[in-house]
Amino acid sequence: MDRPPFDPKAFLAMVGEGRSIGRYRKGQVVFAQEDPADAVYYIQSGKVKITVVSEHGKEAVVAILEADEFFGEACLAGQTLRIATVAAMTESVIVRLEKAAIVRVIHQEPIFSELFIAHILGRILRVEADLVDQLFNSSEKRLARLLLLLANFGKEGKPQPIIAKISQETLAEMIGTTRSRVSLFMNKFRKLGFIDYDGDYNGSIEVHSSLLNSILHDEPQIKV
C-alpha cells in the first residue's frame, strides 16, 4: 500500500524521533551565544529576536523572525557553537529538530527539502538586501524598510500590524543608529500618515502602504 504524501506542516507539528516542541514565554532564551550548535529550530507561532554580542560587550539585533521560519540552520554547515542568542519576543511555540533528524528528513523527503531550500534562499536574499540597505540607504530609509518587513509587506497575505512590542532601542540597534533618531523618524512617519501607534508608544504599530510608496522611487540600482 502506498503511504500518504509527506506533509511538512504535519511533520513539524508533531513530536517524534529527534523532534520536540517547546513553549517559550516572552524574553525566554531559546539558545545563547556560545551554546553547542546541535539542532535546527522552526517557529510554529510567535516571534523571536536574534542578537549578537561583540568581544567588547556591544549588543546588536541582527534579525527578527516569526511563524513558519527556521533558525539555527548553520549547524548543518559545520558550525559547532552558536554565534548569536535567540530569545522569544512574544509567547512562542518552537520546534527543535536535532541535527541528525533534520538531515534525515532532508535526504528522505523531497517536499521537505524544497521547503527548506526555499527558506535558505529567502534568508540569503534577505541578508543581501540588508547589506545593500546598510551601504546605500539613510537611517530614515532603513527604518522605513524595517517597519515594512516587520509588518509583512511583500509576503503572501495581507500586511499585518506589528503585534509584538518593539522598543525604539531595538529598532535603533537593527538599523545602526541612535534611539533619538528613531524617535524623530517615527514621529515624522506618523505625522505624514505612514504609520499609526499609541501616543505613548506601548502598543502595536500599524504600517500603511503609503510608507512603501514613499521609498519605492529611490531604490539603489546595483550592477553585477
N, C-alpha and C. Protein backbone atom coordinates (compact mmCIF):
# COMPACT_ATOMS: atom_id res chain seq x y z
N MET A 1 0.85 -1.19 0.00
CA MET A 1 0.00 0.00 0.00
C MET A 1 0.89 1.25 0.00
N ASP A 2 0.55 2.18 -0.88
CA ASP A 2 1.31 3.42 -0.93
C ASP A 2 1.05 4.24 0.32
N ARG A 3 2.11 4.83 0.85
CA ARG A 3 1.94 5.67 2.02
C ARG A 3 1.36 7.02 1.60
N PRO A 4 0.68 7.74 2.50
CA PRO A 4 0.13 9.05 2.14
C PRO A 4 1.25 10.04 1.85
N PRO A 5 0.97 11.07 1.07
CA PRO A 5 2.01 12.07 0.75
C PRO A 5 2.58 12.70 2.03
N PHE A 6 3.85 12.98 1.99
CA PHE A 6 4.50 13.62 3.14
C PHE A 6 3.99 15.04 3.30
N ASP A 7 3.63 15.41 4.52
CA ASP A 7 3.12 16.74 4.81
C ASP A 7 4.10 17.45 5.74
N PRO A 8 4.89 18.41 5.21
CA PRO A 8 5.88 19.10 6.06
C PRO A 8 5.26 19.77 7.28
N LYS A 9 4.09 20.39 7.10
CA LYS A 9 3.45 21.08 8.21
C LYS A 9 3.07 20.11 9.32
N ALA A 10 2.54 18.94 8.92
CA ALA A 10 2.18 17.94 9.92
C ALA A 10 3.42 17.40 10.60
N PHE A 11 4.48 17.19 9.84
CA PHE A 11 5.74 16.71 10.40
C PHE A 11 6.27 17.68 11.44
N LEU A 12 6.18 18.98 11.15
CA LEU A 12 6.72 19.99 12.05
C LEU A 12 5.77 20.30 13.22
N ALA A 13 4.59 19.72 13.19
CA ALA A 13 3.61 19.98 14.26
C ALA A 13 3.57 18.86 15.29
N MET A 14 4.33 17.79 15.05
CA MET A 14 4.25 16.62 15.94
C MET A 14 5.59 16.32 16.58
N VAL A 15 5.53 15.85 17.81
CA VAL A 15 6.72 15.33 18.48
C VAL A 15 7.05 13.98 17.87
N GLY A 16 8.32 13.71 17.66
CA GLY A 16 8.74 12.43 17.09
C GLY A 16 10.21 12.21 17.34
N GLU A 17 10.78 11.24 16.62
CA GLU A 17 12.19 10.93 16.78
C GLU A 17 13.04 12.15 16.42
N GLY A 18 13.78 12.65 17.39
CA GLY A 18 14.63 13.81 17.15
C GLY A 18 13.90 15.12 17.08
N ARG A 19 12.58 15.12 17.39
CA ARG A 19 11.78 16.35 17.33
C ARG A 19 11.09 16.58 18.66
N SER A 20 11.16 17.80 19.14
CA SER A 20 10.44 18.17 20.37
C SER A 20 9.86 19.56 20.17
N ILE A 21 8.85 19.88 20.96
CA ILE A 21 8.16 21.16 20.85
C ILE A 21 8.21 21.86 22.21
N GLY A 22 8.66 23.10 22.20
CA GLY A 22 8.75 23.86 23.44
C GLY A 22 7.92 25.13 23.38
N ARG A 23 7.40 25.52 24.54
CA ARG A 23 6.66 26.78 24.67
C ARG A 23 7.55 27.77 25.42
N TYR A 24 7.73 28.94 24.85
CA TYR A 24 8.63 29.94 25.41
C TYR A 24 7.86 31.19 25.78
N ARG A 25 8.11 31.69 26.96
CA ARG A 25 7.49 32.95 27.38
C ARG A 25 8.29 34.12 26.82
N LYS A 26 7.69 35.29 26.84
CA LYS A 26 8.36 36.48 26.34
C LYS A 26 9.67 36.71 27.08
N GLY A 27 10.75 36.88 26.33
CA GLY A 27 12.06 37.12 26.91
C GLY A 27 12.87 35.87 27.20
N GLN A 28 12.26 34.71 27.08
CA GLN A 28 12.98 33.47 27.38
C GLN A 28 13.95 33.13 26.26
N VAL A 29 15.15 32.72 26.63
CA VAL A 29 16.19 32.40 25.66
C VAL A 29 15.99 30.99 25.10
N VAL A 30 16.03 30.88 23.78
CA VAL A 30 15.95 29.57 23.12
C VAL A 30 17.33 28.92 23.12
N PHE A 31 18.33 29.65 22.67
CA PHE A 31 19.72 29.25 22.85
C PHE A 31 20.57 30.52 22.91
N ALA A 32 21.74 30.39 23.52
CA ALA A 32 22.61 31.54 23.76
C ALA A 32 23.88 31.44 22.94
N GLN A 33 24.47 32.58 22.70
CA GLN A 33 25.77 32.65 22.03
C GLN A 33 26.77 31.77 22.77
N GLU A 34 27.50 30.96 22.01
CA GLU A 34 28.50 30.00 22.51
C GLU A 34 27.90 28.68 22.97
N ASP A 35 26.56 28.54 22.92
CA ASP A 35 25.97 27.22 23.18
C ASP A 35 26.33 26.25 22.06
N PRO A 36 26.30 24.93 22.32
CA PRO A 36 26.54 23.97 21.24
C PRO A 36 25.50 24.12 20.14
N ALA A 37 25.95 24.05 18.90
CA ALA A 37 25.05 24.14 17.74
C ALA A 37 24.74 22.72 17.29
N ASP A 38 23.63 22.19 17.76
CA ASP A 38 23.32 20.78 17.51
C ASP A 38 21.89 20.55 17.04
N ALA A 39 21.18 21.61 16.66
CA ALA A 39 19.79 21.45 16.25
C ALA A 39 19.35 22.64 15.41
N VAL A 40 18.29 22.43 14.62
CA VAL A 40 17.63 23.48 13.86
C VAL A 40 16.26 23.69 14.50
N TYR A 41 15.78 24.92 14.48
CA TYR A 41 14.51 25.26 15.11
C TYR A 41 13.53 25.80 14.09
N TYR A 42 12.25 25.58 14.38
CA TYR A 42 11.17 26.04 13.50
C TYR A 42 10.12 26.71 14.36
N ILE A 43 9.71 27.91 13.97
CA ILE A 43 8.73 28.67 14.76
C ILE A 43 7.31 28.31 14.32
N GLN A 44 6.57 27.67 15.21
CA GLN A 44 5.16 27.39 14.92
C GLN A 44 4.32 28.65 15.09
N SER A 45 4.57 29.39 16.17
CA SER A 45 3.85 30.63 16.43
C SER A 45 4.73 31.54 17.27
N GLY A 46 4.49 32.85 17.16
CA GLY A 46 5.26 33.81 17.93
C GLY A 46 6.34 34.48 17.11
N LYS A 47 7.21 35.21 17.82
CA LYS A 47 8.33 35.90 17.19
C LYS A 47 9.56 35.75 18.07
N VAL A 48 10.73 35.71 17.42
CA VAL A 48 11.99 35.65 18.16
C VAL A 48 12.93 36.74 17.67
N LYS A 49 13.86 37.08 18.54
CA LYS A 49 14.86 38.11 18.24
C LYS A 49 16.24 37.46 18.27
N ILE A 50 17.06 37.74 17.26
CA ILE A 50 18.42 37.21 17.19
C ILE A 50 19.38 38.35 17.48
N THR A 51 20.22 38.17 18.49
CA THR A 51 21.17 39.21 18.88
C THR A 51 22.58 38.64 18.95
N VAL A 52 23.55 39.51 18.73
CA VAL A 52 24.96 39.15 18.81
C VAL A 52 25.65 40.15 19.74
N VAL A 53 26.54 39.65 20.59
CA VAL A 53 27.32 40.50 21.49
C VAL A 53 28.78 40.42 21.07
N SER A 54 29.41 41.58 20.89
CA SER A 54 30.81 41.63 20.47
C SER A 54 31.73 41.34 21.64
N GLU A 55 33.02 41.21 21.34
CA GLU A 55 34.01 40.97 22.39
C GLU A 55 34.05 42.11 23.41
N HIS A 56 33.64 43.30 22.98
CA HIS A 56 33.65 44.47 23.87
C HIS A 56 32.31 44.68 24.56
N GLY A 57 31.40 43.72 24.39
CA GLY A 57 30.13 43.79 25.10
C GLY A 57 29.04 44.57 24.42
N LYS A 58 29.25 45.00 23.19
CA LYS A 58 28.22 45.72 22.46
C LYS A 58 27.24 44.74 21.84
N GLU A 59 25.95 44.97 22.06
CA GLU A 59 24.91 44.07 21.56
C GLU A 59 24.22 44.66 20.34
N ALA A 60 23.95 43.81 19.36
CA ALA A 60 23.25 44.24 18.15
C ALA A 60 22.16 43.24 17.82
N VAL A 61 21.00 43.75 17.42
CA VAL A 61 19.90 42.90 16.95
C VAL A 61 20.11 42.69 15.45
N VAL A 62 20.24 41.44 15.03
CA VAL A 62 20.52 41.17 13.62
C VAL A 62 19.30 40.68 12.85
N ALA A 63 18.27 40.20 13.55
CA ALA A 63 17.07 39.74 12.84
C ALA A 63 15.93 39.53 13.81
N ILE A 64 14.72 39.65 13.28
CA ILE A 64 13.51 39.27 14.00
C ILE A 64 12.78 38.28 13.09
N LEU A 65 12.49 37.11 13.62
CA LEU A 65 11.84 36.06 12.84
C LEU A 65 10.47 35.74 13.43
N GLU A 66 9.60 35.19 12.60
CA GLU A 66 8.24 34.91 13.04
C GLU A 66 7.80 33.54 12.57
N ALA A 67 6.50 33.25 12.73
CA ALA A 67 5.96 31.92 12.44
C ALA A 67 6.34 31.46 11.03
N ASP A 68 6.60 30.14 10.92
CA ASP A 68 6.94 29.45 9.68
C ASP A 68 8.36 29.71 9.21
N GLU A 69 9.22 30.23 10.09
CA GLU A 69 10.62 30.43 9.74
C GLU A 69 11.51 29.50 10.57
N PHE A 70 12.62 29.09 9.96
CA PHE A 70 13.63 28.27 10.63
C PHE A 70 14.74 29.18 11.16
N PHE A 71 15.45 28.70 12.16
CA PHE A 71 16.69 29.36 12.58
C PHE A 71 17.61 28.31 13.19
N GLY A 72 18.88 28.67 13.31
CA GLY A 72 19.87 27.73 13.83
C GLY A 72 20.40 26.76 12.80
N GLU A 73 20.12 27.02 11.52
CA GLU A 73 20.47 26.07 10.46
C GLU A 73 21.97 26.02 10.17
N ALA A 74 22.75 26.95 10.73
CA ALA A 74 24.20 26.94 10.47
C ALA A 74 24.87 25.68 11.00
N CYS A 75 24.23 24.98 11.92
CA CYS A 75 24.81 23.73 12.41
C CYS A 75 24.94 22.71 11.29
N LEU A 76 24.13 22.83 10.25
CA LEU A 76 24.19 21.89 9.13
C LEU A 76 25.39 22.15 8.25
N ALA A 77 26.01 23.33 8.40
CA ALA A 77 27.18 23.69 7.60
C ALA A 77 28.47 23.59 8.40
N GLY A 78 28.41 22.89 9.54
CA GLY A 78 29.62 22.66 10.32
C GLY A 78 29.82 23.58 11.50
N GLN A 79 28.90 24.51 11.74
CA GLN A 79 29.03 25.37 12.92
C GLN A 79 28.85 24.53 14.18
N THR A 80 29.80 24.63 15.10
CA THR A 80 29.75 23.83 16.33
C THR A 80 29.25 24.61 17.53
N LEU A 81 29.44 25.95 17.52
CA LEU A 81 28.96 26.80 18.60
C LEU A 81 28.09 27.92 18.03
N ARG A 82 27.06 28.29 18.76
CA ARG A 82 26.18 29.36 18.29
C ARG A 82 26.92 30.69 18.30
N ILE A 83 26.72 31.47 17.26
CA ILE A 83 27.36 32.79 17.19
C ILE A 83 26.39 33.89 17.56
N ALA A 84 25.16 33.52 17.95
CA ALA A 84 24.15 34.52 18.31
C ALA A 84 23.25 33.94 19.40
N THR A 85 22.50 34.81 20.03
CA THR A 85 21.49 34.42 21.02
C THR A 85 20.12 34.62 20.41
N VAL A 86 19.22 33.67 20.64
CA VAL A 86 17.84 33.78 20.17
C VAL A 86 16.92 33.77 21.38
N ALA A 87 16.03 34.76 21.46
CA ALA A 87 15.09 34.86 22.57
C ALA A 87 13.70 35.18 22.03
N ALA A 88 12.68 34.68 22.71
CA ALA A 88 11.31 34.93 22.29
C ALA A 88 10.92 36.37 22.56
N MET A 89 10.25 37.00 21.59
CA MET A 89 9.74 38.35 21.77
C MET A 89 8.30 38.35 22.25
N THR A 90 7.61 37.25 21.97
CA THR A 90 6.25 37.03 22.43
C THR A 90 6.17 35.59 22.91
N GLU A 91 5.05 35.21 23.50
CA GLU A 91 4.86 33.79 23.78
C GLU A 91 4.95 33.03 22.46
N SER A 92 5.79 32.02 22.44
CA SER A 92 6.10 31.34 21.18
C SER A 92 6.09 29.83 21.35
N VAL A 93 5.73 29.15 20.28
CA VAL A 93 5.82 27.69 20.22
C VAL A 93 6.85 27.35 19.16
N ILE A 94 7.90 26.63 19.57
CA ILE A 94 9.05 26.40 18.70
C ILE A 94 9.41 24.93 18.67
N VAL A 95 9.62 24.41 17.48
CA VAL A 95 10.01 23.02 17.28
C VAL A 95 11.53 22.93 17.24
N ARG A 96 12.07 21.95 17.96
CA ARG A 96 13.52 21.70 17.93
C ARG A 96 13.75 20.40 17.16
N LEU A 97 14.57 20.47 16.10
CA LEU A 97 14.89 19.30 15.30
C LEU A 97 16.38 19.02 15.46
N GLU A 98 16.68 17.90 16.08
CA GLU A 98 18.09 17.53 16.23
C GLU A 98 18.74 17.43 14.85
N LYS A 99 20.03 17.72 14.81
CA LYS A 99 20.75 17.76 13.54
C LYS A 99 20.55 16.47 12.74
N ALA A 100 20.68 15.33 13.37
CA ALA A 100 20.53 14.06 12.65
C ALA A 100 19.12 13.90 12.09
N ALA A 101 18.11 14.38 12.85
CA ALA A 101 16.73 14.24 12.41
C ALA A 101 16.43 15.08 11.19
N ILE A 102 16.92 16.32 11.16
CA ILE A 102 16.62 17.16 10.00
C ILE A 102 17.44 16.74 8.79
N VAL A 103 18.66 16.27 9.00
CA VAL A 103 19.45 15.75 7.88
C VAL A 103 18.73 14.55 7.26
N ARG A 104 18.19 13.69 8.11
CA ARG A 104 17.49 12.51 7.61
C ARG A 104 16.27 12.87 6.78
N VAL A 105 15.45 13.81 7.26
CA VAL A 105 14.24 14.15 6.52
C VAL A 105 14.58 14.94 5.25
N ILE A 106 15.65 15.71 5.26
CA ILE A 106 16.08 16.40 4.04
C ILE A 106 16.45 15.39 2.96
N HIS A 107 17.13 14.31 3.35
CA HIS A 107 17.53 13.28 2.39
C HIS A 107 16.36 12.42 1.93
N GLN A 108 15.40 12.18 2.81
CA GLN A 108 14.35 11.22 2.53
C GLN A 108 13.09 11.83 1.92
N GLU A 109 12.85 13.11 2.16
CA GLU A 109 11.58 13.72 1.75
C GLU A 109 11.82 14.93 0.85
N PRO A 110 11.66 14.77 -0.46
CA PRO A 110 11.89 15.89 -1.40
C PRO A 110 11.02 17.10 -1.11
N ILE A 111 9.80 16.88 -0.64
CA ILE A 111 8.91 18.01 -0.36
C ILE A 111 9.48 18.87 0.76
N PHE A 112 9.99 18.21 1.79
CA PHE A 112 10.60 18.95 2.88
C PHE A 112 11.88 19.65 2.40
N SER A 113 12.64 18.97 1.57
CA SER A 113 13.87 19.56 1.04
C SER A 113 13.57 20.85 0.28
N GLU A 114 12.51 20.83 -0.53
CA GLU A 114 12.13 22.02 -1.29
C GLU A 114 11.75 23.16 -0.34
N LEU A 115 11.00 22.82 0.71
CA LEU A 115 10.60 23.82 1.69
C LEU A 115 11.82 24.43 2.37
N PHE A 116 12.75 23.60 2.75
CA PHE A 116 13.93 24.07 3.48
C PHE A 116 14.86 24.87 2.58
N ILE A 117 15.03 24.42 1.33
CA ILE A 117 15.87 25.15 0.38
C ILE A 117 15.27 26.53 0.10
N ALA A 118 13.94 26.59 -0.02
CA ALA A 118 13.27 27.87 -0.24
C ALA A 118 13.54 28.81 0.92
N HIS A 119 13.54 28.26 2.14
CA HIS A 119 13.85 29.07 3.32
C HIS A 119 15.29 29.60 3.25
N ILE A 120 16.24 28.73 2.91
CA ILE A 120 17.64 29.14 2.85
C ILE A 120 17.84 30.24 1.80
N LEU A 121 17.23 30.05 0.63
CA LEU A 121 17.36 31.05 -0.44
C LEU A 121 16.74 32.38 -0.01
N GLY A 122 15.59 32.30 0.65
CA GLY A 122 14.96 33.52 1.14
C GLY A 122 15.82 34.24 2.15
N ARG A 123 16.48 33.48 3.02
CA ARG A 123 17.35 34.09 4.02
C ARG A 123 18.56 34.76 3.36
N ILE A 124 19.13 34.12 2.33
CA ILE A 124 20.26 34.70 1.61
C ILE A 124 19.86 36.01 0.95
N LEU A 125 18.70 36.02 0.31
CA LEU A 125 18.22 37.24 -0.34
C LEU A 125 17.99 38.35 0.68
N ARG A 126 17.48 37.97 1.85
CA ARG A 126 17.24 38.98 2.90
C ARG A 126 18.57 39.56 3.40
N VAL A 127 19.57 38.71 3.58
CA VAL A 127 20.87 39.20 4.04
C VAL A 127 21.48 40.14 3.00
N GLU A 128 21.38 39.77 1.72
CA GLU A 128 21.91 40.63 0.66
C GLU A 128 21.20 41.98 0.65
N ALA A 129 19.87 41.94 0.80
CA ALA A 129 19.10 43.19 0.81
C ALA A 129 19.47 44.04 2.03
N ASP A 130 19.70 43.39 3.18
CA ASP A 130 20.10 44.13 4.37
C ASP A 130 21.45 44.81 4.16
N LEU A 131 22.37 44.12 3.48
CA LEU A 131 23.69 44.70 3.22
C LEU A 131 23.58 45.91 2.32
N VAL A 132 22.81 45.78 1.25
CA VAL A 132 22.59 46.92 0.35
C VAL A 132 21.96 48.08 1.11
N ASP A 133 21.01 47.76 1.98
CA ASP A 133 20.33 48.77 2.79
C ASP A 133 21.33 49.55 3.64
N GLN A 134 22.23 48.83 4.31
CA GLN A 134 23.23 49.47 5.17
C GLN A 134 24.22 50.32 4.37
N LEU A 135 24.57 49.84 3.18
CA LEU A 135 25.60 50.52 2.38
C LEU A 135 25.08 51.77 1.69
N PHE A 136 23.81 51.76 1.25
CA PHE A 136 23.35 52.81 0.36
C PHE A 136 22.25 53.70 0.92
N ASN A 137 21.52 53.24 1.93
CA ASN A 137 20.36 53.99 2.38
C ASN A 137 20.62 54.78 3.66
N SER A 138 19.90 55.87 3.81
CA SER A 138 19.97 56.67 5.03
C SER A 138 19.32 55.89 6.17
N SER A 139 19.57 56.32 7.40
CA SER A 139 18.96 55.66 8.55
C SER A 139 17.45 55.80 8.52
N GLU A 140 16.93 56.89 7.99
CA GLU A 140 15.48 57.06 7.89
C GLU A 140 14.88 56.02 6.96
N LYS A 141 15.53 55.82 5.81
CA LYS A 141 15.00 54.83 4.86
C LYS A 141 15.19 53.41 5.40
N ARG A 142 16.27 53.18 6.13
CA ARG A 142 16.47 51.85 6.73
C ARG A 142 15.37 51.54 7.74
N LEU A 143 14.96 52.54 8.50
CA LEU A 143 13.87 52.34 9.46
C LEU A 143 12.56 52.06 8.72
N ALA A 144 12.30 52.81 7.65
CA ALA A 144 11.08 52.58 6.88
C ALA A 144 11.04 51.15 6.33
N ARG A 145 12.17 50.70 5.78
CA ARG A 145 12.23 49.34 5.24
C ARG A 145 12.03 48.30 6.34
N LEU A 146 12.63 48.51 7.51
CA LEU A 146 12.47 47.57 8.61
C LEU A 146 11.02 47.48 9.06
N LEU A 147 10.34 48.61 9.17
CA LEU A 147 8.94 48.60 9.58
C LEU A 147 8.08 47.84 8.56
N LEU A 148 8.38 48.03 7.28
CA LEU A 148 7.64 47.33 6.24
C LEU A 148 7.87 45.82 6.33
N LEU A 149 9.10 45.41 6.58
CA LEU A 149 9.41 43.99 6.71
C LEU A 149 8.71 43.39 7.93
N LEU A 150 8.73 44.10 9.03
CA LEU A 150 8.09 43.60 10.24
C LEU A 150 6.58 43.50 10.10
N ALA A 151 6.01 44.33 9.24
CA ALA A 151 4.57 44.31 9.01
C ALA A 151 4.17 43.39 7.85
N ASN A 152 5.16 42.61 7.36
CA ASN A 152 4.91 41.57 6.35
C ASN A 152 4.58 42.12 4.96
N PHE A 153 4.96 43.35 4.66
CA PHE A 153 4.79 43.83 3.28
C PHE A 153 5.72 43.02 2.38
N GLY A 154 5.19 42.57 1.26
CA GLY A 154 5.98 41.78 0.33
C GLY A 154 5.84 40.29 0.54
N LYS A 155 5.14 39.88 1.60
CA LYS A 155 4.91 38.45 1.84
C LYS A 155 3.50 38.09 1.42
N GLU A 156 3.23 36.79 1.36
CA GLU A 156 1.90 36.33 0.99
C GLU A 156 0.90 36.77 2.05
N GLY A 157 -0.32 37.08 1.59
CA GLY A 157 -1.34 37.51 2.52
C GLY A 157 -1.26 39.02 2.74
N LYS A 158 -2.23 39.52 3.49
CA LYS A 158 -2.27 40.95 3.74
C LYS A 158 -1.25 41.35 4.80
N PRO A 159 -0.68 42.56 4.66
CA PRO A 159 0.20 43.07 5.72
C PRO A 159 -0.56 43.14 7.03
N GLN A 160 0.16 42.97 8.13
CA GLN A 160 -0.43 42.99 9.45
C GLN A 160 0.26 44.04 10.31
N PRO A 161 -0.46 44.62 11.30
CA PRO A 161 0.23 45.49 12.24
C PRO A 161 1.33 44.71 12.96
N ILE A 162 2.31 45.42 13.45
CA ILE A 162 3.36 44.78 14.23
C ILE A 162 2.78 44.47 15.61
N ILE A 163 2.56 43.21 15.89
CA ILE A 163 1.88 42.83 17.13
C ILE A 163 2.82 42.94 18.32
N ALA A 164 4.02 42.40 18.18
CA ALA A 164 4.96 42.41 19.30
C ALA A 164 5.45 43.83 19.57
N LYS A 165 5.54 44.16 20.85
CA LYS A 165 6.09 45.46 21.22
C LYS A 165 7.59 45.45 20.92
N ILE A 166 8.02 46.40 20.13
CA ILE A 166 9.43 46.51 19.76
C ILE A 166 9.91 47.89 20.19
N SER A 167 10.88 47.92 21.06
CA SER A 167 11.34 49.19 21.60
C SER A 167 12.09 50.00 20.56
N GLN A 168 12.16 51.30 20.79
CA GLN A 168 12.93 52.14 19.89
C GLN A 168 14.42 51.79 19.97
N GLU A 169 14.87 51.32 21.13
CA GLU A 169 16.26 50.88 21.25
C GLU A 169 16.54 49.71 20.32
N THR A 170 15.60 48.75 20.26
CA THR A 170 15.78 47.59 19.38
C THR A 170 15.78 48.02 17.92
N LEU A 171 14.85 48.89 17.54
CA LEU A 171 14.82 49.38 16.17
C LEU A 171 16.13 50.09 15.81
N ALA A 172 16.65 50.87 16.76
CA ALA A 172 17.90 51.58 16.53
C ALA A 172 19.06 50.62 16.33
N GLU A 173 19.10 49.55 17.14
CA GLU A 173 20.16 48.55 17.01
C GLU A 173 20.09 47.87 15.65
N MET A 174 18.89 47.63 15.16
CA MET A 174 18.74 46.89 13.91
C MET A 174 19.14 47.70 12.69
N ILE A 175 19.02 49.02 12.77
CA ILE A 175 19.36 49.82 11.59
C ILE A 175 20.66 50.60 11.78
N GLY A 176 21.29 50.46 12.94
CA GLY A 176 22.58 51.09 13.15
C GLY A 176 22.53 52.59 13.36
N THR A 177 21.61 53.05 14.23
CA THR A 177 21.53 54.47 14.54
C THR A 177 21.19 54.62 16.01
N THR A 178 20.83 55.84 16.42
CA THR A 178 20.53 56.10 17.82
C THR A 178 19.03 56.07 18.08
N ARG A 179 18.68 55.87 19.34
CA ARG A 179 17.26 55.87 19.72
C ARG A 179 16.61 57.21 19.44
N SER A 180 17.33 58.30 19.66
CA SER A 180 16.76 59.63 19.45
C SER A 180 16.39 59.85 17.98
N ARG A 181 17.21 59.32 17.07
CA ARG A 181 16.90 59.48 15.65
C ARG A 181 15.71 58.60 15.26
N VAL A 182 15.63 57.41 15.84
CA VAL A 182 14.45 56.56 15.58
C VAL A 182 13.19 57.27 16.06
N SER A 183 13.24 57.88 17.24
CA SER A 183 12.08 58.61 17.76
C SER A 183 11.68 59.74 16.82
N LEU A 184 12.68 60.46 16.32
CA LEU A 184 12.42 61.55 15.38
C LEU A 184 11.74 61.05 14.12
N PHE A 185 12.26 59.94 13.55
CA PHE A 185 11.69 59.40 12.31
C PHE A 185 10.30 58.83 12.54
N MET A 186 10.08 58.16 13.68
CA MET A 186 8.76 57.59 13.97
C MET A 186 7.71 58.70 14.07
N ASN A 187 8.06 59.79 14.74
CA ASN A 187 7.14 60.91 14.83
C ASN A 187 6.85 61.50 13.46
N LYS A 188 7.89 61.59 12.63
CA LYS A 188 7.72 62.11 11.28
C LYS A 188 6.80 61.21 10.46
N PHE A 189 7.04 59.88 10.53
CA PHE A 189 6.21 58.93 9.77
C PHE A 189 4.74 59.03 10.21
N ARG A 190 4.53 59.20 11.51
CA ARG A 190 3.14 59.27 11.99
C ARG A 190 2.47 60.56 11.51
N LYS A 191 3.18 61.68 11.56
CA LYS A 191 2.62 62.94 11.10
C LYS A 191 2.27 62.91 9.62
N LEU A 192 3.08 62.16 8.84
CA LEU A 192 2.82 62.03 7.40
C LEU A 192 1.75 61.00 7.08
N GLY A 193 1.27 60.28 8.10
CA GLY A 193 0.23 59.29 7.87
C GLY A 193 0.74 57.94 7.40
N PHE A 194 2.06 57.71 7.51
CA PHE A 194 2.64 56.44 7.07
C PHE A 194 2.40 55.33 8.10
N ILE A 195 2.34 55.68 9.37
CA ILE A 195 2.14 54.70 10.44
C ILE A 195 1.20 55.29 11.48
N ASP A 196 0.63 54.41 12.30
CA ASP A 196 -0.16 54.82 13.45
C ASP A 196 0.31 54.02 14.66
N TYR A 197 0.37 54.67 15.81
CA TYR A 197 0.66 53.96 17.06
C TYR A 197 0.19 54.83 18.21
N ASP A 198 0.06 54.21 19.39
CA ASP A 198 -0.38 54.94 20.57
C ASP A 198 0.59 56.07 20.88
N GLY A 199 0.08 57.13 21.45
CA GLY A 199 0.92 58.27 21.76
C GLY A 199 2.08 57.95 22.66
N ASP A 200 1.90 56.97 23.57
CA ASP A 200 2.98 56.62 24.49
C ASP A 200 3.85 55.48 23.94
N TYR A 201 3.57 55.06 22.69
CA TYR A 201 4.40 54.07 22.01
C TYR A 201 4.54 52.77 22.82
N ASN A 202 3.41 52.25 23.31
CA ASN A 202 3.48 50.99 24.04
C ASN A 202 2.52 49.94 23.50
N GLY A 203 2.00 50.18 22.30
CA GLY A 203 1.09 49.21 21.70
C GLY A 203 1.60 48.77 20.35
N SER A 204 0.71 48.25 19.52
CA SER A 204 1.10 47.81 18.19
C SER A 204 1.30 49.01 17.28
N ILE A 205 2.05 48.79 16.23
CA ILE A 205 2.30 49.83 15.23
C ILE A 205 1.62 49.39 13.95
N GLU A 206 0.74 50.22 13.41
CA GLU A 206 0.09 49.91 12.14
C GLU A 206 0.84 50.61 11.02
N VAL A 207 1.32 49.84 10.08
CA VAL A 207 2.12 50.38 8.97
C VAL A 207 1.25 50.43 7.72
N HIS A 208 1.18 51.59 7.09
CA HIS A 208 0.34 51.78 5.92
C HIS A 208 1.16 51.64 4.63
N SER A 209 0.46 51.31 3.55
CA SER A 209 1.15 51.13 2.26
C SER A 209 1.78 52.43 1.77
N SER A 210 1.33 53.56 2.29
CA SER A 210 1.92 54.84 1.87
C SER A 210 3.39 54.92 2.26
N LEU A 211 3.79 54.21 3.31
CA LEU A 211 5.21 54.17 3.69
C LEU A 211 6.01 53.47 2.60
N LEU A 212 5.45 52.39 2.05
CA LEU A 212 6.11 51.68 0.95
C LEU A 212 6.24 52.59 -0.26
N ASN A 213 5.16 53.28 -0.59
CA ASN A 213 5.20 54.17 -1.76
C ASN A 213 6.24 55.27 -1.61
N SER A 214 6.48 55.70 -0.37
CA SER A 214 7.40 56.81 -0.13
C SER A 214 8.86 56.45 -0.40
N ILE A 215 9.19 55.15 -0.36
CA ILE A 215 10.59 54.77 -0.56
C ILE A 215 10.84 54.06 -1.89
N LEU A 216 9.78 53.66 -2.60
CA LEU A 216 9.97 52.90 -3.83
C LEU A 216 10.69 53.70 -4.91
N HIS A 217 10.50 55.01 -4.95
CA HIS A 217 11.05 55.81 -6.05
C HIS A 217 12.55 56.01 -5.93
N ASP A 218 13.16 55.58 -4.82
CA ASP A 218 14.58 55.88 -4.60
C ASP A 218 15.37 54.63 -4.23
N GLU A 219 15.04 53.49 -4.86
CA GLU A 219 15.76 52.26 -4.58
C GLU A 219 17.12 52.29 -5.26
N PRO A 220 18.19 51.81 -4.60
CA PRO A 220 19.52 51.80 -5.23
C PRO A 220 19.56 50.81 -6.39
N GLN A 221 20.28 51.17 -7.43
CA GLN A 221 20.45 50.30 -8.58
C GLN A 221 21.80 49.61 -8.49
N ILE A 222 21.79 48.29 -8.44
CA ILE A 222 23.01 47.52 -8.30
C ILE A 222 23.37 46.87 -9.63
N LYS A 223 24.58 47.10 -10.09
CA LYS A 223 25.04 46.46 -11.32
C LYS A 223 25.93 45.30 -10.98
N VAL A 224 25.71 44.17 -11.63
CA VAL A 224 26.52 42.96 -11.38
C VAL A 224 27.47 42.75 -12.53
